[in-house]
Amino acid sequence: MDLEANSLKIKLFADGADLQSMVEMASKPYIQGLTTNPTLMRKAGVSDYVSFAKSVLKEIKDKPISFEVFSDELEEMKIQAEKIASWAENVYVKIPISNTRGESTNSVIEFLGQIGVKVNVTALMTEIQVKEVANALNQDVPSCVSVFAGRIADTGRDPLPIMETSLSILASNPNTELIWASPRELLNVFQANSIGCHIITATNDILAKLALVNKDLTEYSLETVQMFHKDAVSSSFRI
């Protein structure tokens, strides 16, 4: 990585569901944790949730990893969360902000905090949601709050004000870290870093672009022209 990328204060978490890629990313010193979710698992062809998770945890023991519950019933979420948390000490259990009917999961979050389960509350997009979750968390237990800044940006809204307010809300929770989730481009890493966000999760295709940090733009322009020409020649285009 470039020197500037190495000086980032924000923690970089790799987001994915391919075992080989997860192990490879975990071996990199600048990757400080990993996350996954049922959608990424499905895309990666994972069919056995427990087997996959335990295979990952067998290989990655020294960095936090988030695995998500998938029940739509609050009581069942609690049961799944306890089982997931029991797999390893470095596990954070992802709890969605609500179920598919829009019912708050705050009661689940409170219960898990009471029994010492580390949670990663996910899919938040509003300041109100962050406030409610902050009140539900056990401040003595490590936790994460994932605000989907990328999806907020997809709606045409600037996520920075929401992320800054979220940091202020969570400032009184010393063991809670804010995650900038669903980034769309490498610039988001530097935006998140500039406001003091604790963590950003990114897929491998975005993390790979760290090699481009401070790349000479004239050189990059020439490489782009060369790419277009090479692809045109390879396609045997004629006019």
C-alpha atoms as a PDB file:
ATOM      1  CA  MET A   1       0.000   0.000   0.000  1.00  0.00           C
ATOM      2  CA  ASP A   2       0.937   3.631  -0.444  1.00  0.00           C
ATOM      3  CA  LEU A   3       2.397   5.452   2.569  1.00  0.00           C
ATOM      4  CA  GLU A   4      -0.768   7.579   2.870  1.00  0.00           C
ATOM      5  CA  ALA A   5      -2.931   4.465   2.927  1.00  0.00           C
ATOM      6  CA  ASN A   6      -0.692   2.968   5.601  1.00  0.00           C
ATOM      7  CA  SER A   7      -1.209   6.067   7.751  1.00  0.00           C
ATOM      8  CA  LEU A   8      -4.981   5.635   7.895  1.00  0.00           C
ATOM      9  CA  LYS A   9      -6.370   5.649  11.419  1.00  0.00           C
ATOM     10  CA  ILE A  10      -9.583   3.905  10.400  1.00  0.00           C
ATOM     11  CA  LYS A  11      -9.672   0.119  10.672  1.00  0.00           C
ATOM     12  CA  LEU A  12     -10.106  -1.736   7.376  1.00  0.00           C
ATOM     13  CA  PHE A  13     -12.409  -4.767   7.498  1.00  0.00           C
ATOM     14  CA  ALA A  14     -12.701  -7.119   4.529  1.00  0.00           C
ATOM     15  CA  ASP A  15     -16.250  -7.997   3.494  1.00  0.00           C
ATOM     16  CA  GLY A  16     -16.759 -11.314   1.703  1.00  0.00           C
ATOM     17  CA  ALA A  17     -17.786 -14.945   1.856  1.00  0.00           C
ATOM     18  CA  ASP A  18     -15.135 -16.880  -0.049  1.00  0.00           C
ATOM     19  CA  LEU A  19     -13.001 -18.893   2.365  1.00  0.00           C
ATOM     20  CA  GLN A  20      -9.767 -18.631   0.398  1.00  0.00           C
ATOM     21  CA  SER A  21     -10.151 -14.888  -0.119  1.00  0.00           C
ATOM     22  CA  MET A  22     -11.075 -14.314   3.522  1.00  0.00           C
ATOM     23  CA  VAL A  23      -7.987 -16.172   4.718  1.00  0.00           C
ATOM     24  CA  GLU A  24      -5.831 -14.276   2.243  1.00  0.00           C
ATOM     25  CA  MET A  25      -7.215 -10.905   3.356  1.00  0.00           C
ATOM     26  CA  ALA A  26      -6.880 -11.821   7.041  1.00  0.00           C
ATOM     27  CA  SER A  27      -3.169 -12.464   6.488  1.00  0.00           C
ATOM     28  CA  LYS A  28      -2.616  -8.843   5.467  1.00  0.00           C
ATOM     29  CA  PRO A  29      -1.508  -6.648   8.387  1.00  0.00           C
ATOM     30  CA  TYR A  30      -3.666  -3.704   7.296  1.00  0.00           C
ATOM     31  CA  ILE A  31      -6.863  -5.799   7.444  1.00  0.00           C
ATOM     32  CA  GLN A  32      -7.992  -5.680  11.062  1.00  0.00           C
ATOM     33  CA  GLY A  33     -11.238  -7.642  10.858  1.00  0.00           C
ATOM     34  CA  LEU A  34     -13.720  -9.349   8.559  1.00  0.00           C
ATOM     35  CA  THR A  35     -17.455  -9.347   7.953  1.00  0.00           C
ATOM     36  CA  THR A  36     -19.851 -11.411   5.913  1.00  0.00           C
ATOM     37  CA  ASN A  37     -23.613 -11.765   5.457  1.00  0.00           C
ATOM     38  CA  PRO A  38     -26.160 -14.237   4.042  1.00  0.00           C
ATOM     39  CA  THR A  39     -26.326 -12.423   0.687  1.00  0.00           C
ATOM     40  CA  LEU A  40     -22.564 -12.639   0.175  1.00  0.00           C
ATOM     41  CA  MET A  41     -22.638 -16.286   1.252  1.00  0.00           C
ATOM     42  CA  ARG A  42     -25.360 -17.089  -1.264  1.00  0.00           C
ATOM     43  CA  LYS A  43     -23.412 -15.371  -4.058  1.00  0.00           C
ATOM     44  CA  ALA A  44     -20.322 -17.359  -3.072  1.00  0.00           C
ATOM     45  CA  GLY A  45     -22.270 -20.623  -3.244  1.00  0.00           C
ATOM     46  CA  VAL A  46     -22.206 -21.380   0.488  1.00  0.00           C
ATOM     47  CA  SER A  47     -24.837 -24.014   1.268  1.00  0.00           C
ATOM     48  CA  ASP A  48     -23.926 -25.044   4.832  1.00  0.00           C
ATOM     49  CA  TYR A  49     -23.824 -21.948   7.057  1.00  0.00           C
ATOM     50  CA  VAL A  50     -22.351 -23.601  10.152  1.00  0.00           C
ATOM     51  CA  SER A  51     -19.736 -25.599   8.270  1.00  0.00           C
ATOM     52  CA  PHE A  52     -18.600 -22.537   6.354  1.00  0.00           C
ATOM     53  CA  ALA A  53     -18.395 -20.343   9.463  1.00  0.00           C
ATOM     54  CA  LYS A  54     -16.438 -22.928  11.426  1.00  0.00           C
ATOM     55  CA  SER A  55     -14.043 -23.420   8.516  1.00  0.00           C
ATOM     56  CA  VAL A  56     -13.387 -19.678   8.502  1.00  0.00           C
ATOM     57  CA  LEU A  57     -12.884 -19.568  12.261  1.00  0.00           C
ATOM     58  CA  LYS A  58     -10.500 -22.504  12.140  1.00  0.00           C
ATOM     59  CA  GLU A  59      -8.250 -20.455   9.865  1.00  0.00           C
ATOM     60  CA  ILE A  60      -8.791 -16.972  11.311  1.00  0.00           C
ATOM     61  CA  LYS A  61      -8.437 -16.814  15.071  1.00  0.00           C
ATOM     62  CA  ASP A  62      -6.849 -13.465  15.837  1.00  0.00           C
ATOM     63  CA  LYS A  63      -9.140 -10.933  14.120  1.00  0.00           C
ATOM     64  CA  PRO A  64     -12.827 -10.114  14.747  1.00  0.00           C
ATOM     65  CA  ILE A  65     -15.318 -11.699  12.338  1.00  0.00           C
ATOM     66  CA  SER A  66     -19.029 -10.918  12.092  1.00  0.00           C
ATOM     67  CA  PHE A  67     -21.584 -13.614  11.255  1.00  0.00           C
ATOM     68  CA  GLU A  68     -25.266 -12.750  10.914  1.00  0.00           C
ATOM     69  CA  VAL A  69     -28.411 -14.310  12.306  1.00  0.00           C
ATOM     70  CA  PHE A  70     -31.016 -15.056   9.650  1.00  0.00           C
ATOM     71  CA  SER A  71     -34.203 -15.834  11.541  1.00  0.00           C
ATOM     72  CA  ASP A  72     -37.056 -13.371  11.096  1.00  0.00           C
ATOM     73  CA  GLU A  73     -38.448 -14.049  14.582  1.00  0.00           C
ATOM     74  CA  LEU A  74     -36.995 -12.136  17.509  1.00  0.00           C
ATOM     75  CA  GLU A  75     -36.864 -15.026  19.966  1.00  0.00           C
ATOM     76  CA  GLU A  76     -35.221 -17.278  17.394  1.00  0.00           C
ATOM     77  CA  MET A  77     -32.674 -14.524  16.693  1.00  0.00           C
ATOM     78  CA  LYS A  78     -31.612 -14.742  20.335  1.00  0.00           C
ATOM     79  CA  ILE A  79     -31.123 -18.503  20.070  1.00  0.00           C
ATOM     80  CA  GLN A  80     -29.172 -18.249  16.821  1.00  0.00           C
ATOM     81  CA  ALA A  81     -27.039 -15.430  18.208  1.00  0.00           C
ATOM     82  CA  GLU A  82     -26.046 -17.444  21.282  1.00  0.00           C
ATOM     83  CA  LYS A  83     -25.037 -20.372  19.085  1.00  0.00           C
ATOM     84  CA  ILE A  84     -23.016 -18.179  16.720  1.00  0.00           C
ATOM     85  CA  ALA A  85     -21.267 -16.425  19.615  1.00  0.00           C
ATOM     86  CA  SER A  86     -20.240 -19.786  21.063  1.00  0.00           C
ATOM     87  CA  TRP A  87     -18.173 -20.680  17.998  1.00  0.00           C
ATOM     88  CA  ALA A  88     -15.160 -18.527  18.908  1.00  0.00           C
ATOM     89  CA  GLU A  89     -14.012 -15.599  21.036  1.00  0.00           C
ATOM     90  CA  ASN A  90     -13.378 -13.396  17.994  1.00  0.00           C
ATOM     91  CA  VAL A  91     -16.991 -13.643  16.779  1.00  0.00           C
ATOM     92  CA  TYR A  92     -19.344 -10.682  16.618  1.00  0.00           C
ATOM     93  CA  VAL A  93     -22.966 -11.550  15.939  1.00  0.00           C
ATOM     94  CA  LYS A  94     -24.697  -9.434  13.311  1.00  0.00           C
ATOM     95  CA  ILE A  95     -28.198  -8.405  14.316  1.00  0.00           C
ATOM     96  CA  PRO A  96     -30.313  -6.536  11.733  1.00  0.00           C
ATOM     97  CA  ILE A  97     -31.906  -3.309  12.941  1.00  0.00           C
ATOM     98  CA  SER A  98     -35.332  -4.890  12.407  1.00  0.00           C
ATOM     99  CA  ASN A  99     -36.937  -8.022  11.032  1.00  0.00           C
ATOM    100  CA  THR A 100     -38.620  -8.073   7.621  1.00  0.00           C
ATOM    101  CA  ARG A 101     -41.863  -6.773   9.159  1.00  0.00           C
ATOM    102  CA  GLY A 102     -40.107  -3.681  10.475  1.00  0.00           C
ATOM    103  CA  GLU A 103     -40.239  -4.840  14.114  1.00  0.00           C
ATOM    104  CA  SER A 104     -37.350  -3.415  16.124  1.00  0.00           C
ATOM    105  CA  THR A 105     -34.669  -5.837  17.317  1.00  0.00           C
ATOM    106  CA  ASN A 106     -33.741  -3.658  20.296  1.00  0.00           C
ATOM    107  CA  SER A 107     -35.038  -6.321  22.679  1.00  0.00           C
ATOM    108  CA  VAL A 108     -32.691  -8.842  21.065  1.00  0.00           C
ATOM    109  CA  ILE A 109     -29.775  -6.420  21.330  1.00  0.00           C
ATOM    110  CA  GLU A 110     -30.526  -5.744  25.000  1.00  0.00           C
ATOM    111  CA  PHE A 111     -30.797  -9.460  25.798  1.00  0.00           C
ATOM    112  CA  LEU A 112     -27.524 -10.305  24.078  1.00  0.00           C
ATOM    113  CA  GLY A 113     -25.770  -7.442  25.851  1.00  0.00           C
ATOM    114  CA  GLN A 114     -26.950  -8.755  29.195  1.00  0.00           C
ATOM    115  CA  ILE A 115     -25.339 -12.142  28.550  1.00  0.00           C
ATOM    116  CA  GLY A 116     -22.112 -10.661  27.163  1.00  0.00           C
ATOM    117  CA  VAL A 117     -22.514 -11.423  23.440  1.00  0.00           C
ATOM    118  CA  LYS A 118     -20.582  -9.064  21.187  1.00  0.00           C
ATOM    119  CA  VAL A 119     -22.948  -7.722  18.523  1.00  0.00           C
ATOM    120  CA  ASN A 120     -22.647  -5.913  15.221  1.00  0.00           C
ATOM    121  CA  VAL A 121     -25.987  -4.193  14.662  1.00  0.00           C
ATOM    122  CA  THR A 122     -26.426  -3.914  10.913  1.00  0.00           C
ATOM    123  CA  ALA A 123     -28.433  -2.231   8.131  1.00  0.00           C
ATOM    124  CA  LEU A 124     -28.914   1.106   9.913  1.00  0.00           C
ATOM    125  CA  MET A 125     -29.505   4.201   7.784  1.00  0.00           C
ATOM    126  CA  THR A 126     -31.005   6.876  10.049  1.00  0.00           C
ATOM    127  CA  GLU A 127     -29.874   8.864  13.060  1.00  0.00           C
ATOM    128  CA  ILE A 128     -32.969   7.768  14.976  1.00  0.00           C
ATOM    129  CA  GLN A 129     -31.983   4.132  14.497  1.00  0.00           C
ATOM    130  CA  VAL A 130     -28.486   4.875  15.806  1.00  0.00           C
ATOM    131  CA  LYS A 131     -29.904   6.594  18.899  1.00  0.00           C
ATOM    132  CA  GLU A 132     -32.202   3.672  19.659  1.00  0.00           C
ATOM    133  CA  VAL A 133     -29.434   1.123  19.236  1.00  0.00           C
ATOM    134  CA  ALA A 134     -27.044   3.156  21.392  1.00  0.00           C
ATOM    135  CA  ASN A 135     -29.586   2.968  24.210  1.00  0.00           C
ATOM    136  CA  ALA A 136     -30.053  -0.778  23.763  1.00  0.00           C
ATOM    137  CA  LEU A 137     -26.361  -1.719  23.791  1.00  0.00           C
ATOM    138  CA  ASN A 138     -24.544  -2.842  26.918  1.00  0.00           C
ATOM    139  CA  GLN A 139     -21.740  -0.288  27.243  1.00  0.00           C
ATOM    140  CA  ASP A 140     -19.545  -2.827  29.019  1.00  0.00           C
ATOM    141  CA  VAL A 141     -19.560  -5.249  26.074  1.00  0.00           C
ATOM    142  CA  PRO A 142     -17.683  -4.581  22.791  1.00  0.00           C
ATOM    143  CA  SER A 143     -20.038  -3.862  19.906  1.00  0.00           C
ATOM    144  CA  CYS A 144     -20.269  -2.376  16.423  1.00  0.00           C
ATOM    145  CA  VAL A 145     -22.949  -0.321  14.708  1.00  0.00           C
ATOM    146  CA  SER A 146     -23.010  -0.616  10.915  1.00  0.00           C
ATOM    147  CA  VAL A 147     -24.492   2.377   9.130  1.00  0.00           C
ATOM    148  CA  PHE A 148     -24.899   1.696   5.421  1.00  0.00           C
ATOM    149  CA  ALA A 149     -23.364   4.903   4.090  1.00  0.00           C
ATOM    150  CA  GLY A 150     -23.109   3.495   0.575  1.00  0.00           C
ATOM    151  CA  ARG A 151     -26.803   2.752   0.382  1.00  0.00           C
ATOM    152  CA  ILE A 152     -27.588   6.193   1.788  1.00  0.00           C
ATOM    153  CA  ALA A 153     -25.501   7.660  -1.031  1.00  0.00           C
ATOM    154  CA  ASP A 154     -27.406   5.503  -3.533  1.00  0.00           C
ATOM    155  CA  THR A 155     -30.509   7.551  -2.695  1.00  0.00           C
ATOM    156  CA  GLY A 156     -28.797  10.817  -3.651  1.00  0.00           C
ATOM    157  CA  ARG A 157     -28.112  11.834  -0.049  1.00  0.00           C
ATOM    158  CA  ASP A 158     -24.702  12.771   1.303  1.00  0.00           C
ATOM    159  CA  PRO A 159     -23.927  10.183   4.019  1.00  0.00           C
ATOM    160  CA  LEU A 160     -21.265  12.291   5.734  1.00  0.00           C
ATOM    161  CA  PRO A 161     -23.627  14.313   7.976  1.00  0.00           C
ATOM    162  CA  ILE A 162     -25.395  11.143   9.109  1.00  0.00           C
ATOM    163  CA  MET A 163     -22.091   9.422   9.808  1.00  0.00           C
ATOM    164  CA  GLU A 164     -20.776  12.418  11.754  1.00  0.00           C
ATOM    165  CA  THR A 165     -23.938  12.576  13.842  1.00  0.00           C
ATOM    166  CA  SER A 166     -23.738   8.824  14.440  1.00  0.00           C
ATOM    167  CA  LEU A 167     -20.216   9.244  15.804  1.00  0.00           C
ATOM    168  CA  SER A 168     -21.480  11.899  18.206  1.00  0.00           C
ATOM    169  CA  ILE A 169     -24.348   9.684  19.361  1.00  0.00           C
ATOM    170  CA  LEU A 170     -22.029   6.735  20.006  1.00  0.00           C
ATOM    171  CA  ALA A 171     -19.313   8.810  21.686  1.00  0.00           C
ATOM    172  CA  SER A 172     -20.740   7.995  25.120  1.00  0.00           C
ATOM    173  CA  ASN A 173     -20.444   4.242  24.419  1.00  0.00           C
ATOM    174  CA  PRO A 174     -16.705   3.598  24.906  1.00  0.00           C
ATOM    175  CA  ASN A 175     -16.859  -0.001  23.682  1.00  0.00           C
ATOM    176  CA  THR A 176     -18.918   0.703  20.562  1.00  0.00           C
ATOM    177  CA  GLU A 177     -17.349   1.290  17.150  1.00  0.00           C
ATOM    178  CA  LEU A 178     -19.090   2.850  14.162  1.00  0.00           C
ATOM    179  CA  ILE A 179     -18.764   0.988  10.871  1.00  0.00           C
ATOM    180  CA  TRP A 180     -19.039   2.797   7.535  1.00  0.00           C
ATOM    181  CA  ALA A 181     -20.738  -0.009   5.629  1.00  0.00           C
ATOM    182  CA  SER A 182     -21.332  -0.628   1.906  1.00  0.00           C
ATOM    183  CA  PRO A 183     -18.728   1.779   0.495  1.00  0.00           C
ATOM    184  CA  ARG A 184     -18.972   2.335  -3.257  1.00  0.00           C
ATOM    185  CA  GLU A 185     -15.469   3.568  -4.042  1.00  0.00           C
ATOM    186  CA  LEU A 186     -12.022   3.897  -2.494  1.00  0.00           C
ATOM    187  CA  LEU A 187     -12.634   7.589  -1.805  1.00  0.00           C
ATOM    188  CA  ASN A 188     -15.126   6.495   0.866  1.00  0.00           C
ATOM    189  CA  VAL A 189     -12.240   5.038   2.892  1.00  0.00           C
ATOM    190  CA  PHE A 190     -10.593   8.452   3.093  1.00  0.00           C
ATOM    191  CA  GLN A 191     -13.907  10.215   3.749  1.00  0.00           C
ATOM    192  CA  ALA A 192     -14.633   7.849   6.637  1.00  0.00           C
ATOM    193  CA  ASN A 193     -11.106   8.290   7.957  1.00  0.00           C
ATOM    194  CA  SER A 194     -11.363  12.086   7.820  1.00  0.00           C
ATOM    195  CA  ILE A 195     -14.358  12.207  10.181  1.00  0.00           C
ATOM    196  CA  GLY A 196     -12.877   9.732  12.647  1.00  0.00           C
ATOM    197  CA  CYS A 197     -15.088   6.754  11.804  1.00  0.00           C
ATOM    198  CA  HIS A 198     -13.732   3.699  13.576  1.00  0.00           C
ATOM    199  CA  ILE A 199     -14.142   1.006  10.899  1.00  0.00           C
ATOM    200  CA  ILE A 200     -14.970   0.678   7.213  1.00  0.00           C
ATOM    201  CA  THR A 201     -15.966  -2.615   5.636  1.00  0.00           C
ATOM    202  CA  ALA A 202     -15.100  -3.100   1.986  1.00  0.00           C
ATOM    203  CA  THR A 203     -15.178  -5.876  -0.574  1.00  0.00           C
ATOM    204  CA  ASN A 204     -11.934  -7.104  -2.103  1.00  0.00           C
ATOM    205  CA  ASP A 205     -12.459  -5.188  -5.346  1.00  0.00           C
ATOM    206  CA  ILE A 206     -12.453  -1.895  -3.425  1.00  0.00           C
ATOM    207  CA  LEU A 207      -9.582  -2.876  -1.135  1.00  0.00           C
ATOM    208  CA  ALA A 208      -7.516  -3.830  -4.187  1.00  0.00           C
ATOM    209  CA  LYS A 209      -7.664  -0.188  -5.275  1.00  0.00           C
ATOM    210  CA  LEU A 210      -5.491   0.796  -2.307  1.00  0.00           C
ATOM    211  CA  ALA A 211      -2.608   0.145  -4.705  1.00  0.00           C
ATOM    212  CA  LEU A 212      -3.814   3.146  -6.729  1.00  0.00           C
ATOM    213  CA  VAL A 213      -3.543   5.666  -3.890  1.00  0.00           C
ATOM    214  CA  ASN A 214      -1.670   8.757  -5.151  1.00  0.00           C
ATOM    215  CA  LYS A 215      -1.007   7.135  -8.521  1.00  0.00           C
ATOM    216  CA  ASP A 216       0.204   9.652 -11.112  1.00  0.00           C
ATOM    217  CA  LEU A 217      -2.894  10.710 -13.039  1.00  0.00           C
ATOM    218  CA  THR A 218      -1.053  11.316 -16.320  1.00  0.00           C
ATOM    219  CA  GLU A 219       0.317   7.786 -16.141  1.00  0.00           C
ATOM    220  CA  TYR A 220      -3.136   6.452 -15.226  1.00  0.00           C
ATOM    221  CA  SER A 221      -4.633   8.318 -18.179  1.00  0.00           C
ATOM    222  CA  LEU A 222      -2.138   6.732 -20.563  1.00  0.00           C
ATOM    223  CA  GLU A 223      -2.822   3.259 -19.150  1.00  0.00           C
ATOM    224  CA  THR A 224      -6.542   3.835 -19.739  1.00  0.00           C
ATOM    225  CA  VAL A 225      -5.943   4.784 -23.378  1.00  0.00           C
ATOM    226  CA  GLN A 226      -3.739   1.710 -23.785  1.00  0.00           C
ATOM    227  CA  MET A 227      -6.491  -0.485 -22.308  1.00  0.00           C
ATOM    228  CA  PHE A 228      -9.101   0.850 -24.759  1.00  0.00           C
ATOM    229  CA  HIS A 229      -6.742   0.303 -27.693  1.00  0.00           C
ATOM    230  CA  LYS A 230      -5.780  -3.215 -26.611  1.00  0.00           C
ATOM    231  CA  ASP A 231      -9.430  -4.250 -26.211  1.00  0.00           C
ATOM    232  CA  ALA A 232     -10.365  -2.788 -29.599  1.00  0.00           C
ATOM    233  CA  VAL A 233      -7.530  -4.692 -31.285  1.00  0.00           C
ATOM    234  CA  SER A 234      -8.369  -7.914 -29.404  1.00  0.00           C
ATOM    235  CA  SER A 235     -11.977  -7.624 -30.585  1.00  0.00           C
ATOM    236  CA  SER A 236     -10.862  -7.162 -34.219  1.00  0.00           C
ATOM    237  CA  PHE A 237     -13.104  -4.124 -34.561  1.00  0.00           C
ATOM    238  CA  ARG A 238     -13.374  -2.582 -38.033  1.00  0.00           C
ATOM    239  CA  ILE A 239     -14.974   0.578 -39.348  1.00  0.00           C
END
